[in-house]
Amino acid sequence: MPLRRRRGSSGRRSRTARAELSFSVSHMERLLREGHYARRLSPSAPVYLAAILQYLTAKVLELAGDEARNAGGQSITPELVDRAVHNHVLLSALFGMATISQVAPARR
């Protein structure tokens, strides 16, 4: 028996839904176009950027959650995010010059 679609459903899905992402692909495309980073933009570029940003966000939150658990807390605070980023070799290099709001610069 063939699958039936709901009435009124045109079958159109957003690029974000098709890519199964949480970060908006259309928003990434708008930011790329308004930033004038290149004269031409591939259709897959905003999808790739949204996927990368979603992955990095999930990784940072996972590490911050681990830090919160190790500290005996239940909440992720800016200090824990900062500690998680600075304790991870690759993220520390990536966010080396970044400032996390409400956190004093890490001492090394």
Protein backbone atom coordinates (compact mmCIF):
# COMPACT_ATOMS: atom_id res chain seq x y z
CA MET A 1 0.00 0.00 0.00
CA PRO A 2 1.52 3.38 -0.97
CA LEU A 3 2.26 5.99 1.67
CA ARG A 4 -0.31 8.73 1.91
CA ARG A 5 0.49 12.33 2.47
CA ARG A 6 -1.51 14.61 4.68
CA ARG A 7 -3.95 16.90 3.00
CA GLY A 8 -2.52 20.30 2.33
CA SER A 9 1.02 18.99 2.53
CA SER A 10 2.83 19.96 -0.62
CA GLY A 11 5.80 17.75 0.20
CA ARG A 12 8.15 20.72 0.34
CA ARG A 13 10.74 20.65 3.07
CA SER A 14 13.24 23.29 4.03
CA ARG A 15 16.93 22.77 3.34
CA THR A 16 17.46 22.61 7.09
CA ALA A 17 14.95 19.76 7.41
CA ARG A 18 16.36 17.90 4.40
CA ALA A 19 19.86 18.11 5.88
CA GLU A 20 18.46 17.09 9.29
CA LEU A 21 20.10 20.06 10.99
CA SER A 22 19.07 22.34 13.83
CA PHE A 23 20.99 25.36 12.57
CA SER A 24 19.18 27.28 9.83
CA VAL A 25 20.67 26.79 6.36
CA SER A 26 18.85 29.87 5.03
CA HIS A 27 20.29 31.99 7.82
CA MET A 28 23.81 30.75 7.02
CA GLU A 29 23.28 31.57 3.36
CA ARG A 30 22.11 35.09 4.21
CA LEU A 31 25.15 35.66 6.42
CA LEU A 32 27.52 34.39 3.74
CA ARG A 33 25.93 36.58 1.08
CA GLU A 34 25.80 39.71 3.24
CA GLY A 35 29.40 39.20 4.34
CA HIS A 36 30.63 39.34 0.73
CA TYR A 37 33.11 36.52 1.35
CA ALA A 38 33.00 35.45 -2.31
CA ARG A 39 31.41 36.62 -5.54
CA ARG A 40 29.72 33.26 -6.07
CA LEU A 41 28.28 30.87 -3.53
CA SER A 42 27.80 27.14 -3.97
CA PRO A 43 24.37 25.80 -3.00
CA SER A 44 26.03 23.35 -0.61
CA ALA A 45 28.20 25.94 1.18
CA PRO A 46 25.54 27.14 3.68
CA VAL A 47 24.53 23.53 4.38
CA TYR A 48 28.15 22.62 5.13
CA LEU A 49 28.63 25.71 7.32
CA ALA A 50 25.45 25.00 9.29
CA ALA A 51 26.56 21.40 9.84
CA ILE A 52 30.00 22.46 11.04
CA LEU A 53 28.61 25.05 13.43
CA GLN A 54 26.08 22.56 14.79
CA TYR A 55 28.83 19.96 15.34
CA LEU A 56 31.14 22.44 17.09
CA THR A 57 28.31 23.68 19.32
CA ALA A 58 27.37 20.12 20.28
CA LYS A 59 31.01 19.26 21.03
CA VAL A 60 31.55 22.33 23.21
CA LEU A 61 28.31 21.71 25.11
CA GLU A 62 29.19 18.04 25.59
CA LEU A 63 32.59 18.95 27.04
CA ALA A 64 31.07 21.69 29.22
CA GLY A 65 28.49 19.20 30.50
CA ASP A 66 31.32 16.81 31.40
CA GLU A 67 33.07 19.65 33.25
CA ALA A 68 29.84 20.45 35.11
CA ARG A 69 29.43 16.80 36.10
CA ASN A 70 33.06 16.63 37.28
CA ALA A 71 32.60 19.82 39.30
CA GLY A 72 29.49 18.38 40.95
CA GLY A 73 27.16 20.93 39.41
CA GLN A 74 24.05 20.56 37.32
CA SER A 75 24.30 23.71 35.23
CA ILE A 76 26.63 24.71 32.43
CA THR A 77 28.10 28.12 33.22
CA PRO A 78 30.31 30.37 31.06
CA GLU A 79 33.25 29.41 33.28
CA LEU A 80 32.69 25.71 32.54
CA VAL A 81 32.45 26.40 28.80
CA ASP A 82 35.73 28.31 28.99
CA ARG A 83 37.40 25.51 30.95
CA ALA A 84 36.11 22.87 28.53
CA VAL A 85 37.39 24.77 25.50
CA HIS A 86 40.80 25.47 27.02
CA ASN A 87 41.26 21.87 28.21
CA HIS A 88 40.66 20.46 24.71
CA VAL A 89 43.74 20.70 22.47
CA LEU A 90 41.99 21.29 19.13
CA LEU A 91 39.26 23.57 20.47
CA SER A 92 41.83 25.56 22.41
CA ALA A 93 43.74 26.20 19.19
CA LEU A 94 40.54 27.05 17.30
CA PHE A 95 39.19 29.43 19.96
CA GLY A 96 42.60 30.66 21.13
CA MET A 97 41.86 34.35 20.66
CA ALA A 98 38.13 34.17 21.45
CA THR A 99 36.63 35.79 24.51
CA ILE A 100 33.80 34.00 26.28
CA SER A 101 31.44 36.51 27.86
CA GLN A 102 31.54 36.91 31.66
CA VAL A 103 34.79 34.95 31.94
CA ALA A 104 38.20 36.35 32.76
CA PRO A 105 40.95 35.26 30.33
CA ALA A 106 42.35 31.86 31.23
CA ARG A 107 45.75 31.83 32.91
CA ARG A 108 48.32 29.58 31.36
